[in-house]
Protein backbone atom coordinates (compact mmCIF):
# COMPACT_ATOMS: atom_id res chain seq x y z
CA MET A 1 21.59 20.95 17.27
CA ALA A 2 22.13 21.43 13.55
CA SER A 3 20.20 24.37 12.17
CA SER A 4 19.41 23.38 8.59
CA PRO A 5 19.78 20.50 6.09
CA THR A 6 21.55 22.95 3.77
CA ASP A 7 24.48 23.04 6.21
CA PHE A 8 25.43 19.56 5.05
CA PRO A 9 26.05 18.90 1.36
CA VAL A 10 24.35 15.94 -0.28
CA THR A 11 26.15 13.36 -2.41
CA TYR A 12 24.32 11.09 -4.84
CA PHE A 13 24.82 7.53 -6.02
CA LYS A 14 22.86 5.47 -8.50
CA SER A 15 21.01 2.50 -7.13
CA HIS A 16 20.65 -0.80 -8.98
CA ASP A 17 17.65 0.46 -10.97
CA GLY A 18 19.16 3.81 -11.92
CA LEU A 19 17.48 6.03 -9.31
CA ASP A 20 19.59 8.83 -7.87
CA LEU A 21 19.72 8.35 -4.10
CA ALA A 22 21.20 10.83 -1.64
CA TYR A 23 23.43 10.51 1.38
CA ARG A 24 25.25 12.85 3.76
CA GLU A 25 28.50 12.31 5.64
CA MET A 26 29.95 13.75 8.81
CA GLY A 27 33.32 13.06 10.40
CA ALA A 28 36.25 10.84 9.47
CA GLY A 29 37.36 7.47 10.77
CA ARG A 30 35.58 4.15 11.15
CA PRO A 31 32.47 4.08 8.89
CA VAL A 32 29.03 3.71 10.46
CA VAL A 33 26.01 3.71 8.14
CA LEU A 34 22.79 4.95 9.79
CA ILE A 35 19.39 4.54 8.12
CA HIS A 36 16.41 6.73 9.07
CA GLY A 37 12.77 5.86 9.69
CA LEU A 38 9.62 6.19 7.61
CA PHE A 39 8.52 9.77 6.77
CA SER A 40 11.91 11.03 8.01
CA ASN A 41 15.29 11.54 6.32
CA GLY A 42 18.95 11.30 7.24
CA TRP A 43 19.20 14.90 8.41
CA VAL A 44 16.14 14.82 10.68
CA ASN A 45 16.87 11.41 12.21
CA TRP A 46 20.61 11.69 12.79
CA ILE A 47 21.93 15.24 12.34
CA ARG A 48 19.22 17.56 13.65
CA TYR A 49 19.40 16.38 17.28
CA GLY A 50 23.18 15.94 17.45
CA HIS A 51 23.58 12.15 17.24
CA ALA A 52 25.79 12.22 14.13
CA GLN A 53 27.96 15.00 15.56
CA LEU A 54 28.51 13.00 18.75
CA LEU A 55 29.71 10.00 16.74
CA ALA A 56 31.83 12.15 14.42
CA GLU A 57 33.56 13.83 17.37
CA ALA A 58 34.37 10.37 18.75
CA GLY A 59 36.19 9.43 15.54
CA TYR A 60 33.51 7.92 13.30
CA ARG A 61 32.67 8.59 9.68
CA VAL A 62 28.88 8.80 9.84
CA ILE A 63 27.11 7.98 6.56
CA MET A 64 23.40 8.81 6.42
CA PRO A 65 21.39 7.93 3.29
CA ASP A 66 17.95 9.24 2.43
CA LEU A 67 15.79 6.24 1.57
CA ARG A 68 14.13 6.24 -1.85
CA GLY A 69 10.92 8.25 -1.61
CA HIS A 70 12.41 10.38 1.18
CA GLY A 71 14.44 13.53 1.64
CA MET A 72 16.72 14.43 -1.24
CA SER A 73 16.51 11.01 -2.89
CA ALA A 74 14.42 10.25 -5.95
CA ALA A 75 10.75 9.77 -5.09
CA PRO A 76 8.97 8.23 -8.08
CA HIS A 77 5.25 7.51 -7.77
CA ASP A 78 5.34 4.43 -10.01
CA ALA A 79 4.91 1.23 -7.96
CA ALA A 80 7.45 -0.51 -10.21
CA TYR A 81 10.19 1.33 -8.30
CA TYR A 82 9.10 -0.19 -4.99
CA PRO A 83 9.50 -3.99 -5.16
CA PRO A 84 9.79 -6.02 -1.94
CA ASP A 85 13.07 -5.52 -0.03
CA VAL A 86 14.21 -2.69 -2.32
CA LEU A 87 15.35 -0.59 0.65
CA ALA A 88 17.73 -3.34 1.74
CA GLU A 89 19.00 -3.58 -1.82
CA ASP A 90 19.58 0.18 -1.89
CA GLY A 91 21.58 -0.10 1.34
CA GLU A 92 23.70 -2.88 -0.15
CA THR A 93 24.28 -0.78 -3.26
CA LEU A 94 25.46 2.18 -1.14
CA ILE A 95 27.93 0.00 0.76
CA ARG A 96 29.34 -1.32 -2.53
CA HIS A 97 29.44 2.21 -3.97
CA LEU A 98 31.50 3.41 -1.00
CA GLY A 99 33.72 0.31 -1.06
CA LEU A 100 33.02 -0.49 2.60
CA SER A 101 34.24 -3.81 3.95
CA ASP A 102 34.81 -3.04 7.64
CA TYR A 103 31.94 -0.91 8.94
CA ASP A 104 29.06 -0.70 11.42
CA LEU A 105 25.38 -0.50 10.45
CA GLY A 106 22.36 0.89 12.25
CA GLY A 107 18.83 2.11 11.71
CA TYR A 108 15.80 3.63 13.42
CA SER A 109 12.26 2.19 12.99
CA LEU A 110 11.93 1.41 9.26
CA GLY A 111 15.69 1.89 9.15
CA GLY A 112 16.04 -0.79 11.83
CA ARG A 113 13.88 -3.19 9.83
CA THR A 114 15.95 -2.37 6.75
CA VAL A 115 19.17 -3.14 8.63
CA LEU A 116 17.78 -6.49 9.75
CA ARG A 117 16.79 -7.35 6.18
CA MET A 118 20.32 -6.46 5.05
CA LEU A 119 21.75 -8.81 7.68
CA VAL A 120 19.44 -11.62 6.58
CA ARG A 121 20.47 -11.03 2.97
CA GLY A 122 24.17 -11.30 3.78
CA ALA A 123 25.46 -7.90 4.97
CA ARG A 124 28.28 -8.41 7.46
CA PRO A 125 29.02 -5.29 9.49
CA ARG A 126 31.17 -5.57 12.59
CA LYS A 127 28.23 -4.45 14.75
CA ALA A 128 24.56 -3.64 14.10
CA ILE A 129 22.04 -1.33 15.79
CA LEU A 130 18.28 -1.91 15.62
CA SER A 131 16.56 1.11 17.14
CA GLY A 132 12.86 1.87 17.47
CA MET A 133 12.03 -1.68 16.40
CA GLY A 134 10.43 -4.67 18.15
CA LEU A 135 9.91 -8.32 17.36
CA GLU A 136 6.35 -7.95 16.03
CA GLY A 137 7.43 -5.31 13.52
CA ILE A 138 10.06 -7.72 12.19
CA LEU A 139 8.00 -10.92 12.10
CA ASP A 140 4.83 -9.31 10.73
CA PRO A 141 5.11 -5.79 9.30
CA ASP A 142 1.51 -5.83 8.00
CA LYS A 143 0.09 -4.08 11.07
CA ARG A 144 2.36 -1.07 10.67
CA ARG A 145 1.90 -1.13 6.89
CA ASP A 146 -1.88 -0.96 7.37
CA PHE A 147 -1.56 1.87 9.89
CA PHE A 148 0.57 3.99 7.58
CA ARG A 149 -1.67 3.23 4.62
CA THR A 150 -4.56 4.63 6.66
CA VAL A 151 -2.48 7.71 7.48
CA LEU A 152 -1.58 8.36 3.85
CA THR A 153 -5.02 7.73 2.37
CA GLY A 154 -6.78 9.91 4.95
CA LEU A 155 -4.63 13.03 5.00
CA GLY A 156 -6.48 15.95 6.55
CA LEU A 157 -9.18 13.70 8.03
CA HIS A 158 -7.51 12.25 11.13
CA LYS A 159 -8.75 13.13 14.60
CA ARG A 160 -6.55 15.74 16.20
CA GLY A 161 -4.17 14.16 18.71
CA SER A 162 -4.61 10.63 17.38
CA ALA A 163 -1.64 8.48 16.36
CA ALA A 164 -2.57 8.92 12.69
CA TRP A 165 -2.84 12.70 13.11
CA MET A 166 0.62 12.84 14.73
CA ALA A 167 2.11 10.71 11.96
CA GLU A 168 0.59 13.04 9.36
CA ALA A 169 1.98 16.05 11.24
CA PHE A 170 5.46 14.52 11.15
CA LEU A 171 5.14 13.85 7.42
CA LYS A 172 4.32 17.52 6.91
CA THR A 173 7.31 18.71 8.95
CA THR A 174 9.70 16.61 6.84
CA GLY A 175 8.09 17.55 3.53
CA GLY A 176 7.43 13.92 2.70
CA ASP A 177 5.79 12.90 -0.58
CA ALA A 178 2.67 10.89 0.24
CA LEU A 179 2.36 9.59 -3.33
CA ALA A 180 5.83 8.08 -3.07
CA MET A 181 5.25 6.74 0.44
CA LEU A 182 2.18 4.71 -0.50
CA PRO A 183 3.90 2.27 -2.91
CA LEU A 184 6.94 2.22 -0.61
CA LEU A 185 4.79 0.51 2.05
CA ASP A 186 4.66 -2.55 -0.18
CA THR A 187 8.44 -2.99 0.10
CA PHE A 188 8.11 -4.28 3.69
CA VAL A 189 9.17 -7.94 4.00
CA ALA A 190 8.59 -10.22 6.99
CA THR A 191 11.52 -12.01 8.62
CA THR A 192 11.21 -15.39 10.36
CA ARG A 193 12.34 -16.31 13.85
CA GLU A 194 14.80 -18.74 12.29
CA GLU A 195 16.35 -15.99 10.17
CA ILE A 196 16.68 -13.71 13.20
CA GLY A 197 18.23 -16.52 15.23
CA ALA A 198 20.86 -17.07 12.56
CA ILE A 199 22.26 -13.51 12.82
CA ARG A 200 25.52 -13.94 14.72
CA ILE A 201 26.61 -10.31 14.78
CA PRO A 202 26.75 -8.23 17.98
CA THR A 203 23.49 -6.27 17.80
CA LEU A 204 22.22 -3.44 19.96
CA VAL A 205 18.42 -3.29 20.28
CA LEU A 206 17.81 0.29 21.37
CA SER A 207 14.32 1.40 22.32
CA GLY A 208 12.35 4.03 24.17
CA GLU A 209 10.88 2.68 27.41
CA ASP A 210 7.40 3.62 26.22
CA ASP A 211 7.87 2.64 22.57
CA HIS A 212 5.57 -0.28 21.73
CA ASP A 213 4.78 0.70 18.14
CA ASN A 214 6.61 -2.30 16.68
CA GLY A 215 6.14 -4.78 19.51
CA SER A 216 8.65 -5.88 22.11
CA SER A 217 12.27 -4.79 21.75
CA ALA A 218 13.18 -7.09 24.66
CA GLU A 219 11.84 -10.11 22.77
CA LEU A 220 13.77 -9.09 19.68
CA ALA A 221 17.00 -8.77 21.66
CA LYS A 222 16.37 -12.14 23.30
CA LEU A 223 15.97 -13.88 19.94
CA LEU A 224 19.22 -12.48 18.54
CA PRO A 225 22.19 -14.72 19.50
CA GLN A 226 24.33 -11.68 20.35
CA GLY A 227 21.52 -9.23 21.09
CA GLU A 228 21.88 -6.52 23.75
CA LEU A 229 18.88 -4.49 24.94
CA VAL A 230 19.20 -0.85 26.00
CA GLU A 231 16.14 1.23 26.90
CA ILE A 232 16.10 5.01 27.05
CA ALA A 233 13.40 7.51 27.97
CA GLY A 234 10.60 8.23 25.51
CA ASN A 235 8.20 6.69 23.03
CA HIS A 236 8.55 6.06 19.29
CA MET A 237 8.38 9.75 18.41
CA THR A 238 10.30 11.24 21.36
CA SER A 239 13.13 8.80 22.09
CA VAL A 240 14.97 10.00 18.99
CA LEU A 241 15.18 13.57 20.34
CA PRO A 242 17.45 13.49 23.46
CA PRO A 243 21.22 12.81 23.45
CA ALA A 244 20.70 9.38 25.05
CA LEU A 245 20.05 7.83 21.63
CA GLY A 246 23.41 8.90 20.22
CA ARG A 247 25.26 8.17 23.48
CA SER A 248 23.86 4.63 23.61
CA ILE A 249 24.94 3.97 20.02
CA LEU A 250 28.42 5.35 20.72
CA GLU A 251 28.87 3.29 23.89
CA PHE A 252 27.88 0.14 22.02
CA LEU A 253 30.23 0.83 19.12
CA GLN A 254 33.12 1.50 21.50
CA GLN A 255 32.68 -1.75 23.41
CA VAL A 256 35.59 -4.14 22.86
């Protein structure tokens, strides 16, 4: 496991609205862009538990942005910087900035939803990975938005051991900025069944067996024309920790 975020230098690019957004890279070879989940960052989601290193050692150039409001990226508190679908637009801007035309694209949780929005908006990676995401979280993100709004507006008040308390604890471990996270919740955009059904890109739907936070991953995979479901041990918080997450992504990317 990687010991510290400072072990990996950060590079910045300007998004469409002038914000300085951060990303890290590891390895050389075929590019794969991996987007982290809410309250997390690129280092925690992909580097800390060895997933990026596994891909890099297999010959991939792993590109891991910090979403706006997260990690080393700009985190303004002004709601004007958080219009609907802005995270997908940031991802598109990064791909243009790097000049990528032949690449793979994946994300965990909010990162998975962001990847799907990028696909709907016209991104065309060779393969896509939607991890920690289910059909309900794609069709109707309001439930998760409301949950996280409750988390952020009740900091310090949640019952110990509750889902909200655990989410707050994770926010604290990553050093997340609650005042930036609140307006970011309003960037979530619903996707229709018809839009999902029109995505004709080989897509891995990767989920913990006990992860039901965003609905059914199996139903999401079934709706995708080239969807493939893989389940690993764990729930929404724990399935990102063991090597199985990175191994499953690698095996999918290496499939002919």
